[in-house]
């Protein structure tokens, strides 16, 4: 299920990361592998990211 992000005025917002996640999603579905998408804030990891 793909979530649609809306901006302040109600227009759909798509980013390059959305395209990557969609491609990975379809790949894992073809392989029937379980997975979970996790969002992290890389700034909170300092240089470890």
PDB file of N, CA and C in Angstrom:
ATOM      1  N   UNK A   1       0.838  -1.173   0.000  1.00  0.00           N
ATOM      2  CA  UNK A   1       0.000   0.000   0.000  1.00  0.00           C
ATOM      3  C   UNK A   1       0.885   1.240   0.000  1.00  0.00           C
ATOM      4  N   UNK A   2       0.661   2.101  -0.903  1.00  0.00           N
ATOM      5  CA  UNK A   2       1.501   3.290  -1.042  1.00  0.00           C
ATOM      6  C   UNK A   2       0.802   4.493  -0.418  1.00  0.00           C
ATOM      7  N   UNK A   3       1.523   5.172   0.453  1.00  0.00           N
ATOM      8  CA  UNK A   3       0.971   6.370   1.078  1.00  0.00           C
ATOM      9  C   UNK A   3       1.195   7.563   0.161  1.00  0.00           C
ATOM     10  N   UNK A   4       0.231   8.450   0.100  1.00  0.00           N
ATOM     11  CA  UNK A   4       0.347   9.662  -0.700  1.00  0.00           C
ATOM     12  C   UNK A   4       0.612  10.813   0.252  1.00  0.00           C
ATOM     13  N   UNK A   5       1.722  11.515   0.030  1.00  0.00           N
ATOM     14  CA  UNK A   5       2.056  12.668   0.861  1.00  0.00           C
ATOM     15  C   UNK A   5       1.502  13.923   0.199  1.00  0.00           C
ATOM     16  N   UNK A   6       0.937  14.782   1.011  1.00  0.00           N
ATOM     17  CA  UNK A   6       0.373  16.023   0.503  1.00  0.00           C
ATOM     18  C   UNK A   6       1.124  17.201   1.100  1.00  0.00           C
ATOM     19  N   UNK A   7       1.299  18.241   0.290  1.00  0.00           N
ATOM     20  CA  UNK A   7       1.930  19.451   0.809  1.00  0.00           C
ATOM     21  C   UNK A   7       0.893  20.306   1.524  1.00  0.00           C
ATOM     22  N   UNK A   8       1.282  21.482   1.914  1.00  0.00           N
ATOM     23  CA  UNK A   8       0.423  22.383   2.673  1.00  0.00           C
ATOM     24  C   UNK A   8      -0.870  22.715   1.947  1.00  0.00           C
ATOM     25  N   UNK A   9      -0.836  22.717   0.632  1.00  0.00           N
ATOM     26  CA  UNK A   9      -1.992  23.098  -0.177  1.00  0.00           C
ATOM     27  C   UNK A   9      -2.758  21.906  -0.729  1.00  0.00           C
ATOM     28  N   UNK A  10      -2.365  20.683  -0.343  1.00  0.00           N
ATOM     29  CA  UNK A  10      -3.096  19.500  -0.744  1.00  0.00           C
ATOM     30  C   UNK A  10      -2.604  18.837  -2.022  1.00  0.00           C
ATOM     31  N   UNK A  11      -1.468  19.301  -2.560  1.00  0.00           N
ATOM     32  CA  UNK A  11      -0.916  18.678  -3.758  1.00  0.00           C
ATOM     33  C   UNK A  11      -0.035  17.497  -3.375  1.00  0.00           C
ATOM     34  N   UNK A  12      -0.035  16.485  -4.243  1.00  0.00           N
ATOM     35  CA  UNK A  12       0.761  15.286  -3.988  1.00  0.00           C
ATOM     36  C   UNK A  12       2.253  15.608  -4.067  1.00  0.00           C
ATOM     37  N   UNK A  13       3.012  15.082  -3.117  1.00  0.00           N
ATOM     38  CA  UNK A  13       4.460  15.291  -3.071  1.00  0.00           C
ATOM     39  C   UNK A  13       5.135  13.939  -3.239  1.00  0.00           C
ATOM     40  N   UNK A  14       6.016  13.836  -4.206  1.00  0.00           N
ATOM     41  CA  UNK A  14       6.789  12.606  -4.415  1.00  0.00           C
ATOM     42  C   UNK A  14       8.267  12.952  -4.401  1.00  0.00           C
ATOM     43  N   UNK A  15       9.057  12.119  -3.757  1.00  0.00           N
ATOM     44  CA  UNK A  15      10.490  12.337  -3.673  1.00  0.00           C
ATOM     45  C   UNK A  15      11.209  11.161  -4.329  1.00  0.00           C
ATOM     46  N   UNK A  16      12.495  11.313  -4.534  1.00  0.00           N
ATOM     47  CA  UNK A  16      13.262  10.220  -5.121  1.00  0.00           C
ATOM     48  C   UNK A  16      13.287   9.023  -4.186  1.00  0.00           C
ATOM     49  N   UNK A  17      13.234   9.245  -2.874  1.00  0.00           N
ATOM     50  CA  UNK A  17      13.210   8.120  -1.950  1.00  0.00           C
ATOM     51  C   UNK A  17      11.907   7.332  -2.082  1.00  0.00           C
ATOM     52  N   UNK A  18      10.798   8.010  -2.411  1.00  0.00           N
ATOM     53  CA  UNK A  18       9.536   7.308  -2.648  1.00  0.00           C
ATOM     54  C   UNK A  18       9.666   6.357  -3.834  1.00  0.00           C
ATOM     55  N   UNK A  19      10.337   6.796  -4.884  1.00  0.00           N
ATOM     56  CA  UNK A  19      10.540   5.944  -6.059  1.00  0.00           C
ATOM     57  C   UNK A  19      11.400   4.739  -5.717  1.00  0.00           C
ATOM     58  N   UNK A  20      12.439   4.950  -4.913  1.00  0.00           N
ATOM     59  CA  UNK A  20      13.314   3.849  -4.506  1.00  0.00           C
ATOM     60  C   UNK A  20      12.553   2.842  -3.654  1.00  0.00           C
ATOM     61  N   UNK A  21      11.764   3.343  -2.715  1.00  0.00           N
ATOM     62  CA  UNK A  21      11.003   2.452  -1.846  1.00  0.00           C
ATOM     63  C   UNK A  21       9.989   1.653  -2.658  1.00  0.00           C
ATOM     64  N   UNK A  22       9.361   2.272  -3.648  1.00  0.00           N
ATOM     65  CA  UNK A  22       8.407   1.559  -4.497  1.00  0.00           C
ATOM     66  C   UNK A  22       9.087   0.449  -5.280  1.00  0.00           C
ATOM     67  N   UNK A  23      10.277   0.721  -5.805  1.00  0.00           N
ATOM     68  CA  UNK A  23      11.018  -0.296  -6.566  1.00  0.00           C
ATOM     69  C   UNK A  23      11.425  -1.458  -5.664  1.00  0.00           C
ATOM     70  N   UNK A  24      11.911  -1.147  -4.478  1.00  0.00           N
ATOM     71  CA  UNK A  24      12.318  -2.184  -3.530  1.00  0.00           C
ATOM     72  C   UNK A  24      11.110  -2.984  -3.073  1.00  0.00           C
ATOM     73  N   UNK A  25       9.992  -2.302  -2.846  1.00  0.00           N
ATOM     74  CA  UNK A  25       8.752  -2.958  -2.437  1.00  0.00           C
ATOM     75  C   UNK A  25       8.328  -4.012  -3.448  1.00  0.00           C
ATOM     76  N   UNK A  26       8.314  -3.655  -4.724  1.00  0.00           N
ATOM     77  CA  UNK A  26       7.899  -4.621  -5.745  1.00  0.00           C
ATOM     78  C   UNK A  26       8.889  -5.776  -5.866  1.00  0.00           C
ATOM     79  N   UNK A  27      10.177  -5.501  -5.686  1.00  0.00           N
ATOM     80  CA  UNK A  27      11.212  -6.547  -5.739  1.00  0.00           C
ATOM     81  C   UNK A  27      10.993  -7.571  -4.625  1.00  0.00           C
ATOM     82  N   UNK A  28      10.802  -7.095  -3.400  1.00  0.00           N
ATOM     83  CA  UNK A  28      10.604  -8.007  -2.279  1.00  0.00           C
ATOM     84  C   UNK A  28       9.289  -8.771  -2.399  1.00  0.00           C
ATOM     85  N   UNK A  29       8.262  -8.148  -2.960  1.00  0.00           N
ATOM     86  CA  UNK A  29       6.994  -8.850  -3.172  1.00  0.00           C
ATOM     87  C   UNK A  29       7.171  -9.975  -4.186  1.00  0.00           C
ATOM     88  N   UNK A  30       7.969  -9.762  -5.223  1.00  0.00           N
ATOM     89  CA  UNK A  30       8.216 -10.814  -6.212  1.00  0.00           C
ATOM     90  C   UNK A  30       8.944 -11.992  -5.583  1.00  0.00           C
ATOM     91  N   UNK A  31       9.835 -11.712  -4.629  1.00  0.00           N
ATOM     92  CA  UNK A  31      10.598 -12.773  -3.972  1.00  0.00           C
ATOM     93  C   UNK A  31       9.866 -13.382  -2.781  1.00  0.00           C
ATOM     94  N   UNK A  32       8.708 -12.815  -2.430  1.00  0.00           N
ATOM     95  CA  UNK A  32       7.931 -13.272  -1.274  1.00  0.00           C
ATOM     96  C   UNK A  32       8.745 -13.238   0.014  1.00  0.00           C
ATOM     97  N   UNK A  33       9.562 -12.196   0.176  1.00  0.00           N
ATOM     98  CA  UNK A  33      10.353 -12.022   1.385  1.00  0.00           C
ATOM     99  C   UNK A  33       9.698 -10.983   2.294  1.00  0.00           C
ATOM    100  N   UNK A  34       9.637 -11.261   3.589  1.00  0.00           N
ATOM    101  CA  UNK A  34       9.083 -10.267   4.509  1.00  0.00           C
ATOM    102  C   UNK A  34      10.094  -9.138   4.730  1.00  0.00           C
ATOM    103  N   UNK A  35       9.596  -7.944   4.950  1.00  0.00           N
ATOM    104  CA  UNK A  35      10.460  -6.797   5.215  1.00  0.00           C
ATOM    105  C   UNK A  35       9.659  -5.715   5.909  1.00  0.00           C
ATOM    106  N   UNK A  36      10.366  -4.740   6.437  1.00  0.00           N
ATOM    107  CA  UNK A  36       9.721  -3.602   7.080  1.00  0.00           C
ATOM    108  C   UNK A  36      10.499  -2.346   6.717  1.00  0.00           C
ATOM    109  N   UNK A  37       9.799  -1.307   6.280  1.00  0.00           N
ATOM    110  CA  UNK A  37      10.428  -0.037   5.945  1.00  0.00           C
ATOM    111  C   UNK A  37      10.551   0.766   7.230  1.00  0.00           C
ATOM    112  N   UNK A  38      11.771   1.239   7.506  1.00  0.00           N
ATOM    113  CA  UNK A  38      12.034   2.008   8.716  1.00  0.00           C
ATOM    114  C   UNK A  38      12.609   3.350   8.315  1.00  0.00           C
ATOM    115  N   UNK A  39      12.049   4.412   8.865  1.00  0.00           N
ATOM    116  CA  UNK A  39      12.561   5.757   8.604  1.00  0.00           C
ATOM    117  C   UNK A  39      13.411   6.201   9.782  1.00  0.00           C
ATOM    118  N   UNK A  40      14.610   6.701   9.496  1.00  0.00           N
ATOM    119  CA  UNK A  40      15.475   7.233  10.535  1.00  0.00           C
ATOM    120  C   UNK A  40      15.874   8.656  10.176  1.00  0.00           C
ATOM    121  N   UNK A  41      16.206   9.404  11.174  1.00  0.00           N
ATOM    122  CA  UNK A  41      16.704  10.758  10.950  1.00  0.00           C
ATOM    123  C   UNK A  41      18.221  10.672  11.028  1.00  0.00           C
ATOM    124  N   UNK A  42      18.884  10.784   9.885  1.00  0.00           N
ATOM    125  CA  UNK A  42      20.329  10.585   9.854  1.00  0.00           C
ATOM    126  C   UNK A  42      21.079  11.660  10.623  1.00  0.00           C
ATOM    127  N   UNK A  43      20.495  12.844  10.763  1.00  0.00           N
ATOM    128  CA  UNK A  43      21.146  13.899  11.529  1.00  0.00           C
ATOM    129  C   UNK A  43      21.309  13.509  12.984  1.00  0.00           C
ATOM    130  N   UNK A  44      20.400  12.676  13.491  1.00  0.00           N
ATOM    131  CA  UNK A  44      20.483  12.246  14.885  1.00  0.00           C
ATOM    132  C   UNK A  44      21.610  11.236  15.101  1.00  0.00           C
ATOM    133  N   UNK A  45      22.131  10.660  14.025  1.00  0.00           N
ATOM    134  CA  UNK A  45      23.195   9.669  14.136  1.00  0.00           C
ATOM    135  C   UNK A  45      24.586  10.290  14.033  1.00  0.00           C
ATOM    136  N   UNK A  46      24.651  11.576  13.798  1.00  0.00           N
ATOM    137  CA  UNK A  46      25.929  12.285  13.622  1.00  0.00           C
ATOM    138  C   UNK A  46      26.695  11.688  12.459  1.00  0.00           C
ATOM    139  N   UNK A  47      27.981  11.409  12.650  1.00  0.00           N
ATOM    140  CA  UNK A  47      28.810  10.884  11.565  1.00  0.00           C
ATOM    141  C   UNK A  47      28.680   9.374  11.403  1.00  0.00           C
ATOM    142  N   UNK A  48      27.942   8.725  12.301  1.00  0.00           N
ATOM    143  CA  UNK A  48      27.787   7.267  12.229  1.00  0.00           C
ATOM    144  C   UNK A  48      26.971   6.846  11.020  1.00  0.00           C
ATOM    145  N   UNK A  49      26.161   7.760  10.469  1.00  0.00           N
ATOM    146  CA  UNK A  49      25.347   7.400   9.318  1.00  0.00           C
ATOM    147  C   UNK A  49      26.221   7.369   8.100  1.00  0.00           C
TER     148      UNK A  49
END
